[in-house]
N, C-alpha and C. Protein backbone atom coordinates (compact mmCIF):
# COMPACT_ATOMS: atom_id res chain seq x y z
N MET A 1 -174.72 50.64 70.87
CA MET A 1 -176.27 51.50 71.12
C MET A 1 -176.50 51.51 69.55
N ASP A 2 -177.66 50.49 68.64
CA ASP A 2 -177.75 51.33 67.32
C ASP A 2 -178.33 52.74 67.64
N MET A 3 -177.99 53.71 66.78
CA MET A 3 -178.70 54.82 67.25
C MET A 3 -179.98 54.72 66.25
N GLY A 4 -180.17 54.01 65.26
CA GLY A 4 -181.73 53.89 65.07
C GLY A 4 -182.59 53.47 65.66
N GLU A 5 -182.21 52.73 67.07
CA GLU A 5 -183.29 52.43 68.00
C GLU A 5 -183.57 53.40 69.03
N LEU A 6 -182.92 54.90 69.05
CA LEU A 6 -183.05 55.19 70.33
C LEU A 6 -184.79 55.64 69.46
N PHE A 7 -185.60 55.93 71.29
CA PHE A 7 -186.60 56.39 70.56
C PHE A 7 -186.81 57.52 71.22
N ASN A 8 -187.43 58.75 71.18
CA ASN A 8 -187.82 60.20 71.91
C ASN A 8 -188.66 60.15 71.71
N PRO A 9 -189.12 60.27 73.05
CA PRO A 9 -190.31 60.11 73.88
C PRO A 9 -190.99 60.93 73.29
N GLY A 10 -190.52 62.96 73.33
CA GLY A 10 -191.27 63.83 72.92
C GLY A 10 -191.76 63.87 71.63
N CYS A 11 -191.52 62.47 70.66
CA CYS A 11 -191.75 62.96 69.14
C CYS A 11 -193.46 62.23 68.85
N GLY A 12 -194.05 63.58 68.47
CA GLY A 12 -195.46 63.34 68.00
C GLY A 12 -195.25 62.45 66.58
N GLY A 13 -194.61 61.86 66.27
CA GLY A 13 -194.42 61.29 64.87
C GLY A 13 -194.16 59.71 65.54
N ALA A 14 -193.66 58.88 64.73
CA ALA A 14 -192.94 57.60 64.64
C ALA A 14 -191.91 57.41 66.19
N GLY A 15 -191.10 58.62 65.98
CA GLY A 15 -189.70 57.92 66.90
C GLY A 15 -189.39 57.30 66.73
N GLY A 16 -188.22 57.31 67.22
CA GLY A 16 -186.96 56.76 67.06
C GLY A 16 -186.23 55.60 65.85
N ALA A 17 -186.44 54.75 66.09
CA ALA A 17 -186.28 53.80 64.45
C ALA A 17 -186.76 54.81 63.01
N GLY A 18 -186.44 54.93 62.24
CA GLY A 18 -187.20 55.37 60.79
C GLY A 18 -187.70 57.10 60.55
N CYS A 19 -187.72 57.49 62.24
CA CYS A 19 -188.17 59.06 62.02
C CYS A 19 -187.04 59.59 62.14
N ASP A 20 -187.13 60.57 60.82
CA ASP A 20 -186.37 61.37 60.44
C ASP A 20 -186.63 62.86 60.77
N CYS A 21 -187.47 62.93 61.85
CA CYS A 21 -188.16 64.68 61.47
C CYS A 21 -186.70 65.55 63.00
N GLY A 22 -186.95 66.79 62.66
CA GLY A 22 -185.91 67.37 63.43
C GLY A 22 -185.88 67.02 65.08
N ASP A 23 -186.72 67.14 65.49
CA ASP A 23 -186.29 66.33 66.87
C ASP A 23 -185.87 65.01 67.49
N CYS A 24 -186.07 64.07 66.76
CA CYS A 24 -185.67 63.14 66.70
C CYS A 24 -184.23 62.87 66.29
N GLU A 25 -183.87 63.48 65.72
CA GLU A 25 -182.49 63.74 64.92
C GLU A 25 -181.82 64.77 66.28
N GLU A 26 -182.41 65.56 66.87
CA GLU A 26 -181.72 65.85 67.89
C GLU A 26 -181.54 65.21 69.01
N TRP A 27 -182.33 64.36 69.34
CA TRP A 27 -182.76 63.37 70.44
C TRP A 27 -181.55 62.56 70.12
N ARG A 28 -181.29 61.45 69.06
CA ARG A 28 -180.85 60.87 68.58
C ARG A 28 -179.44 61.20 69.03
N ARG A 29 -178.83 62.73 68.47
CA ARG A 29 -177.67 63.23 68.71
C ARG A 29 -177.29 63.93 70.30
N TYR A 30 -178.45 64.15 71.07
CA TYR A 30 -177.94 64.61 72.62
C TYR A 30 -178.00 63.01 73.45
N CYS A 31 -178.42 62.47 72.90
CA CYS A 31 -177.85 60.65 73.56
C CYS A 31 -177.25 60.80 73.50
N TYR A 32 -176.18 60.27 71.84
CA TYR A 32 -175.00 60.11 71.42
C TYR A 32 -174.28 60.79 71.95
N TRP A 33 -173.99 61.79 72.19
CA TRP A 33 -172.54 62.79 72.64
C TRP A 33 -172.61 62.83 74.38
N ASN A 34 -174.04 63.06 74.70
CA ASN A 34 -174.00 63.97 76.02
C ASN A 34 -174.14 63.32 77.60
N HIS A 35 -174.32 61.91 77.09
CA HIS A 35 -174.69 60.77 78.14
C HIS A 35 -173.34 60.33 79.37
N ASP A 36 -171.99 61.41 79.10
CA ASP A 36 -170.98 60.86 80.33
C ASP A 36 -170.78 62.54 80.22
N HIS A 37 -171.70 62.98 80.88
CA HIS A 37 -171.01 64.54 81.00
C HIS A 37 -170.27 65.60 80.22
N GLY A 38 -170.86 65.43 78.96
CA GLY A 38 -170.23 66.31 78.02
C GLY A 38 -168.88 65.33 77.17
N THR A 39 -168.41 64.41 77.46
CA THR A 39 -167.09 63.85 76.61
C THR A 39 -167.82 63.15 75.30
N LYS A 40 -167.45 63.48 74.63
CA LYS A 40 -167.08 63.05 73.01
C LYS A 40 -167.24 61.27 72.90
N GLN A 41 -167.58 60.39 72.86
CA GLN A 41 -167.16 59.29 72.59
C GLN A 41 -168.23 58.38 71.52
N PHE A 42 -167.59 57.66 70.85
CA PHE A 42 -168.70 56.26 70.52
C PHE A 42 -167.90 55.15 70.65
N LEU A 43 -168.19 54.23 70.23
CA LEU A 43 -168.40 53.18 70.30
C LEU A 43 -168.56 52.10 68.80
N LEU A 44 -167.54 51.41 67.90
CA LEU A 44 -167.68 51.36 67.19
C LEU A 44 -166.90 49.21 67.32
N PHE A 45 -167.55 49.03 66.13
CA PHE A 45 -167.34 47.04 66.43
C PHE A 45 -166.16 47.08 65.25
N ALA A 46 -164.45 46.32 65.33
CA ALA A 46 -163.85 46.11 63.81
C ALA A 46 -165.05 45.73 62.84
N SER A 47 -164.75 46.20 61.21
CA SER A 47 -164.99 44.69 60.91
C SER A 47 -164.10 44.26 60.30
N HIS A 48 -164.95 43.51 58.76
CA HIS A 48 -163.79 42.63 57.84
C HIS A 48 -162.86 43.10 57.43
N ASP A 49 -163.20 44.52 56.84
CA ASP A 49 -162.69 45.52 56.22
C ASP A 49 -161.09 46.06 56.96
N LYS A 50 -159.95 45.54 57.06
CA LYS A 50 -158.71 46.01 57.65
C LYS A 50 -157.88 47.66 56.84
N ASP A 51 -158.47 47.72 56.06
CA ASP A 51 -157.72 49.10 55.60
C ASP A 51 -159.08 50.19 55.51
N HIS A 52 -159.88 49.75 56.49
CA HIS A 52 -160.64 51.15 55.82
C HIS A 52 -161.98 50.68 57.30
N LEU A 53 -161.76 52.16 58.05
CA LEU A 53 -163.01 51.97 58.66
C LEU A 53 -163.92 53.19 58.68
N CYS A 54 -165.47 52.80 58.45
CA CYS A 54 -166.84 53.98 58.45
C CYS A 54 -167.28 54.24 59.81
N ILE A 55 -167.16 55.66 59.97
CA ILE A 55 -167.66 55.90 61.14
C ILE A 55 -169.19 56.36 60.81
N PRO A 56 -170.08 55.64 61.51
CA PRO A 56 -171.72 55.70 61.62
C PRO A 56 -171.75 57.65 61.10
N TRP A 57 -173.48 57.40 60.19
CA TRP A 57 -173.21 59.05 59.91
C TRP A 57 -173.85 59.78 61.22
N GLU A 58 -174.32 59.17 61.98
CA GLU A 58 -174.84 59.88 63.68
C GLU A 58 -173.30 60.49 63.82
N VAL A 59 -172.40 59.61 63.93
CA VAL A 59 -171.11 60.33 64.78
C VAL A 59 -170.46 61.00 63.64
N SER A 60 -170.45 61.14 62.63
CA SER A 60 -169.34 61.58 61.44
C SER A 60 -170.28 63.21 61.49
N SER A 61 -171.54 63.53 61.30
CA SER A 61 -171.86 64.82 61.53
C SER A 61 -171.83 65.08 62.67
N GLN A 62 -171.79 64.45 63.76
CA GLN A 62 -170.82 65.70 64.87
C GLN A 62 -169.79 65.55 64.89
N LEU A 63 -168.65 65.14 64.23
CA LEU A 63 -167.23 65.15 63.93
C LEU A 63 -167.02 66.00 63.17
N ARG A 64 -167.84 65.84 61.70
CA ARG A 64 -167.34 66.82 60.67
C ARG A 64 -166.67 68.25 60.97
N ASP A 65 -167.61 68.75 61.83
CA ASP A 65 -166.85 70.70 62.03
C ASP A 65 -165.68 70.37 63.18
N MET A 66 -165.22 69.38 63.55
CA MET A 66 -164.46 69.48 64.70
C MET A 66 -163.26 69.04 64.19
N ILE A 67 -162.94 68.35 63.06
CA ILE A 67 -161.69 67.52 62.62
C ILE A 67 -161.70 68.42 61.13
N PRO A 68 -161.06 69.05 60.80
CA PRO A 68 -160.18 69.37 59.90
C PRO A 68 -159.80 68.78 58.80
N ASP A 69 -160.27 69.16 57.51
CA ASP A 69 -159.52 67.94 56.35
C ASP A 69 -158.32 68.35 56.20
N SER A 70 -157.47 69.68 56.83
CA SER A 70 -155.97 69.43 56.48
C SER A 70 -155.19 69.00 57.16
N GLU A 71 -155.37 67.69 58.18
CA GLU A 71 -154.43 67.46 58.47
C GLU A 71 -155.17 66.12 59.31
N PRO A 72 -153.90 64.52 59.73
CA PRO A 72 -155.06 63.30 59.93
C PRO A 72 -155.18 63.77 61.17
N ILE A 73 -156.18 62.32 61.49
CA ILE A 73 -156.46 61.50 62.96
C ILE A 73 -155.77 61.57 63.35
N LYS A 74 -155.62 61.17 64.81
CA LYS A 74 -154.35 60.64 65.70
C LYS A 74 -155.07 59.90 66.54
N LEU A 75 -154.80 58.87 66.41
CA LEU A 75 -155.37 57.48 67.65
C LEU A 75 -154.26 57.49 68.68
N GLU A 76 -155.36 57.37 70.13
CA GLU A 76 -153.71 56.88 71.11
C GLU A 76 -154.60 55.92 71.44
N THR A 77 -153.62 54.42 72.18
CA THR A 77 -153.46 53.61 72.96
C THR A 77 -153.41 54.07 74.37
N PRO A 78 -154.12 53.24 74.95
CA PRO A 78 -153.75 53.17 76.56
C PRO A 78 -152.20 53.21 76.66
N ASP A 79 -151.55 52.57 76.17
CA ASP A 79 -149.77 52.18 76.41
C ASP A 79 -149.38 53.19 75.72
N GLY A 80 -149.53 54.42 75.59
CA GLY A 80 -149.09 55.53 75.11
C GLY A 80 -148.76 55.67 73.61
N ARG A 81 -148.95 54.27 72.55
CA ARG A 81 -148.45 55.37 71.34
C ARG A 81 -149.42 55.77 70.51
N THR A 82 -149.34 56.85 69.74
CA THR A 82 -149.81 57.79 68.56
C THR A 82 -149.89 57.35 66.90
N TYR A 83 -150.87 57.06 66.48
CA TYR A 83 -151.13 56.74 65.26
C TYR A 83 -151.34 57.49 64.31
N SER A 84 -151.04 57.91 63.35
CA SER A 84 -151.66 58.97 62.40
C SER A 84 -152.57 58.68 61.41
N VAL A 85 -153.52 58.58 61.28
CA VAL A 85 -154.52 58.00 60.24
C VAL A 85 -155.56 58.78 59.64
N LYS A 86 -154.71 59.23 57.98
CA LYS A 86 -156.01 59.88 56.77
C LYS A 86 -157.35 59.56 57.35
N PHE A 87 -158.19 60.48 56.10
CA PHE A 87 -159.30 60.07 56.47
C PHE A 87 -159.99 61.15 55.13
N PHE A 88 -161.52 60.79 54.76
CA PHE A 88 -161.81 61.41 53.97
C PHE A 88 -163.36 61.39 54.54
N LYS A 89 -163.84 62.66 54.15
CA LYS A 89 -165.54 62.82 54.37
C LYS A 89 -166.45 62.93 53.18
N PHE A 90 -167.02 61.77 52.71
CA PHE A 90 -167.90 61.81 52.01
C PHE A 90 -169.28 61.38 52.53
N GLY A 91 -169.78 62.12 52.88
CA GLY A 91 -171.62 61.61 54.16
C GLY A 91 -170.79 61.19 55.30
N ARG A 92 -170.31 59.86 55.56
CA ARG A 92 -169.93 59.45 56.39
C ARG A 92 -168.15 59.55 56.91
N ILE A 93 -167.27 59.59 57.81
CA ILE A 93 -165.73 59.59 57.74
C ILE A 93 -165.16 58.38 57.66
N THR A 94 -164.38 58.22 56.97
CA THR A 94 -163.84 56.72 56.67
C THR A 94 -162.63 56.87 56.70
N LEU A 95 -161.85 56.35 57.75
CA LEU A 95 -160.16 56.78 58.24
C LEU A 95 -160.09 55.49 56.98
N THR A 96 -158.69 56.08 56.40
CA THR A 96 -157.79 55.33 55.31
C THR A 96 -156.47 54.96 55.89
N SER A 97 -155.80 56.15 55.26
CA SER A 97 -154.13 55.84 55.26
C SER A 97 -154.08 55.26 56.69
N GLY A 98 -152.92 54.66 57.04
CA GLY A 98 -152.32 54.33 58.31
C GLY A 98 -153.39 53.36 59.22
N TRP A 99 -154.98 53.51 58.54
CA TRP A 99 -156.20 52.56 59.98
C TRP A 99 -155.06 51.21 60.00
N ARG A 100 -155.11 50.35 58.58
CA ARG A 100 -154.72 49.12 58.46
C ARG A 100 -153.24 48.71 59.77
N GLY A 101 -152.62 49.54 59.20
CA GLY A 101 -151.00 49.99 60.98
C GLY A 101 -151.90 49.90 62.01
N PHE A 102 -152.64 50.93 62.28
CA PHE A 102 -153.27 50.63 63.40
C PHE A 102 -153.92 49.34 64.31
N VAL A 103 -154.17 49.02 62.99
CA VAL A 103 -155.12 47.42 62.94
C VAL A 103 -154.34 46.87 63.54
N ASP A 104 -152.97 46.44 62.68
CA ASP A 104 -152.50 45.64 63.12
C ASP A 104 -151.09 45.49 63.93
N ALA A 105 -150.80 46.57 64.54
CA ALA A 105 -150.13 46.79 65.86
C ALA A 105 -150.84 46.66 67.06
N ASN A 106 -152.44 46.87 66.88
CA ASN A 106 -153.13 46.57 68.15
C ASN A 106 -153.88 45.14 68.29
N HIS A 107 -153.19 44.33 67.32
CA HIS A 107 -154.08 43.10 67.08
C HIS A 107 -155.57 42.89 66.91
N ILE A 108 -156.08 43.98 66.21
CA ILE A 108 -157.57 44.17 66.43
C ILE A 108 -158.59 43.07 65.14
N GLU A 109 -159.26 42.25 65.60
CA GLU A 109 -159.87 41.30 64.45
C GLU A 109 -161.29 42.32 64.60
N GLU A 110 -161.99 41.04 63.71
CA GLU A 110 -163.58 41.39 63.58
C GLU A 110 -164.18 41.26 64.62
N ASN A 111 -165.18 42.24 65.19
CA ASN A 111 -166.16 42.56 66.00
C ASN A 111 -165.69 42.77 67.30
N ASN A 112 -163.89 43.30 66.90
CA ASN A 112 -163.67 43.86 68.48
C ASN A 112 -164.24 45.48 68.59
N PRO A 113 -164.81 45.33 70.13
CA PRO A 113 -165.51 46.65 70.52
C PRO A 113 -163.98 47.82 70.47
N MET A 114 -164.13 49.08 70.13
CA MET A 114 -163.89 50.28 69.88
C MET A 114 -164.05 51.26 70.56
N LEU A 115 -163.55 51.80 71.92
CA LEU A 115 -164.34 53.20 72.27
C LEU A 115 -163.61 54.04 72.13
N PHE A 116 -164.08 55.29 70.72
CA PHE A 116 -163.32 56.33 70.59
C PHE A 116 -163.83 57.25 71.60
N VAL A 117 -162.40 58.41 72.28
CA VAL A 117 -163.24 59.27 73.06
C VAL A 117 -162.29 60.58 72.52
N TYR A 118 -163.30 61.90 72.09
CA TYR A 118 -162.84 62.59 71.71
C TYR A 118 -161.41 63.37 72.58
N ARG A 119 -160.66 63.54 72.28
CA ARG A 119 -159.56 64.26 73.28
C ARG A 119 -159.54 65.86 72.73
N GLY A 120 -160.12 66.18 71.62
CA GLY A 120 -159.58 67.63 70.84
C GLY A 120 -158.11 67.83 69.78
N ASN A 121 -158.50 68.64 69.13
CA ASN A 121 -157.14 68.96 67.96
C ASN A 121 -157.07 67.50 67.11
N SER A 122 -158.23 66.53 66.70
CA SER A 122 -158.16 65.61 66.02
C SER A 122 -157.67 64.59 66.62
N THR A 123 -157.61 64.71 67.42
CA THR A 123 -157.38 63.08 68.55
C THR A 123 -158.08 62.56 69.58
N PHE A 124 -158.04 61.01 69.30
CA PHE A 124 -158.88 59.93 70.37
C PHE A 124 -158.01 59.29 70.58
N LYS A 125 -158.75 59.47 72.18
CA LYS A 125 -157.57 58.12 73.05
C LYS A 125 -158.65 56.64 72.83
N VAL A 126 -158.10 55.64 72.30
CA VAL A 126 -158.99 54.39 71.44
C VAL A 126 -158.58 53.36 72.82
N GLN A 127 -159.78 52.69 73.34
CA GLN A 127 -159.32 51.62 74.18
C GLN A 127 -160.20 50.55 73.35
N ILE A 128 -159.48 49.71 73.03
CA ILE A 128 -159.83 48.18 72.61
C ILE A 128 -160.36 47.07 73.09
N PHE A 129 -161.42 46.19 72.87
CA PHE A 129 -161.35 45.13 73.49
C PHE A 129 -161.50 43.83 72.73
N ASN A 130 -161.28 42.52 73.61
CA ASN A 130 -161.37 41.10 72.83
C ASN A 130 -162.66 41.22 72.80
N SER A 131 -162.94 39.98 72.46
CA SER A 131 -164.28 39.77 71.42
C SER A 131 -165.04 39.19 72.86
N SER A 132 -164.38 38.96 73.89
CA SER A 132 -165.22 38.49 75.45
C SER A 132 -165.40 39.86 76.01
N GLY A 133 -164.88 41.35 75.54
CA GLY A 133 -165.71 42.30 76.27
C GLY A 133 -164.24 42.68 77.32
N ARG A 134 -163.04 42.45 77.58
CA ARG A 134 -161.80 42.51 78.09
C ARG A 134 -161.22 43.21 77.30
N ASP A 135 -160.68 44.51 78.08
CA ASP A 135 -159.68 45.43 77.68
C ASP A 135 -158.44 44.62 76.87
N LYS A 136 -157.75 44.77 75.87
CA LYS A 136 -156.92 44.22 74.82
C LYS A 136 -155.04 44.55 75.91
N PHE A 137 -155.33 45.97 76.39
CA PHE A 137 -154.34 46.50 77.23
C PHE A 137 -153.65 46.50 78.69
N LEU A 138 -154.91 45.44 79.34
CA LEU A 138 -154.81 45.23 80.61
C LEU A 138 -154.17 43.99 80.73
N PRO A 139 -152.82 44.30 81.86
CA PRO A 139 -151.79 42.50 82.19
C PRO A 139 -152.61 41.61 81.61
N CYS A 140 -154.04 41.15 82.41
CA CYS A 140 -154.88 40.32 82.20
C CYS A 140 -155.01 39.23 81.38
N SER A 141 -154.99 40.56 80.32
CA SER A 141 -155.36 39.73 79.12
C SER A 141 -154.58 40.01 77.97
N GLN A 142 -153.12 40.16 78.33
CA GLN A 142 -151.91 40.05 77.50
C GLN A 142 -151.46 38.70 77.95
N PRO A 143 -150.98 38.30 76.75
CA PRO A 143 -149.81 36.41 77.19
C PRO A 143 -148.74 37.31 77.84
N PRO A 144 -148.24 36.22 78.72
CA PRO A 144 -147.60 35.87 80.06
C PRO A 144 -146.29 36.57 79.05
N CYS A 145 -145.17 37.15 79.66
CA CYS A 145 -144.12 38.16 79.47
C CYS A 145 -143.22 37.02 79.27
N ASN A 146 -142.21 37.15 78.47
CA ASN A 146 -141.06 36.63 77.71
C ASN A 146 -139.74 36.98 78.69
N HIS A 147 -139.48 35.86 79.37
CA HIS A 147 -138.65 35.97 80.26
C HIS A 147 -136.92 35.44 80.01
N ARG A 148 -135.85 35.98 80.26
CA ARG A 148 -134.45 35.66 79.57
C ARG A 148 -134.76 34.45 80.87
N VAL A 149 -133.76 33.28 79.86
CA VAL A 149 -133.13 32.38 80.42
C VAL A 149 -131.75 32.73 80.53
N LEU A 150 -130.66 33.03 81.49
CA LEU A 150 -129.47 32.90 81.30
C LEU A 150 -129.27 32.06 82.35
N ASN A 151 -128.25 30.75 81.71
CA ASN A 151 -127.15 29.62 82.49
C ASN A 151 -128.63 28.58 83.21
N GLY A 152 -129.73 28.83 82.68
CA GLY A 152 -130.54 27.87 82.81
C GLY A 152 -131.83 27.96 84.05
N LYS A 153 -131.59 29.38 84.28
CA LYS A 153 -132.05 30.55 85.31
C LYS A 153 -133.21 31.16 84.89
N VAL A 154 -134.78 31.52 84.76
CA VAL A 154 -135.05 32.38 84.55
C VAL A 154 -134.91 33.83 85.17
N ASP A 155 -135.02 34.68 84.52
CA ASP A 155 -134.36 36.57 84.54
C ASP A 155 -136.04 36.86 85.50
């Protein structure tokens, strides 16, 4: 969902897209963060840049106080692997060192959706989807296993 498209029905001004009144900003924050019973989560699409990931301003402004500058962000995948990724805060939060390793290890391609769920302590659980919207970590979306062949028989 594009945060600029959210419309605040209580706004006396333009509302939604382009409106930067305090009421609309608060409305966008509420809609973005609280629609899943308080779970802090956001959806991003992988860009062509495999070395960096820029987190949109609406999300960065919420994360800014939750993530200390002194430690890297930890990204957990559903298969239990954890990746340490450095970042910098300059307006938006941008993931830097370690992001390329995460992208390569998880075969992330441009426009793959990624759902980030904040778990506390600078840690995010990341669900990665392929271009058709299937979870990349479900067995049905993985290539078949390579079975050992022993004496002409498949194990």
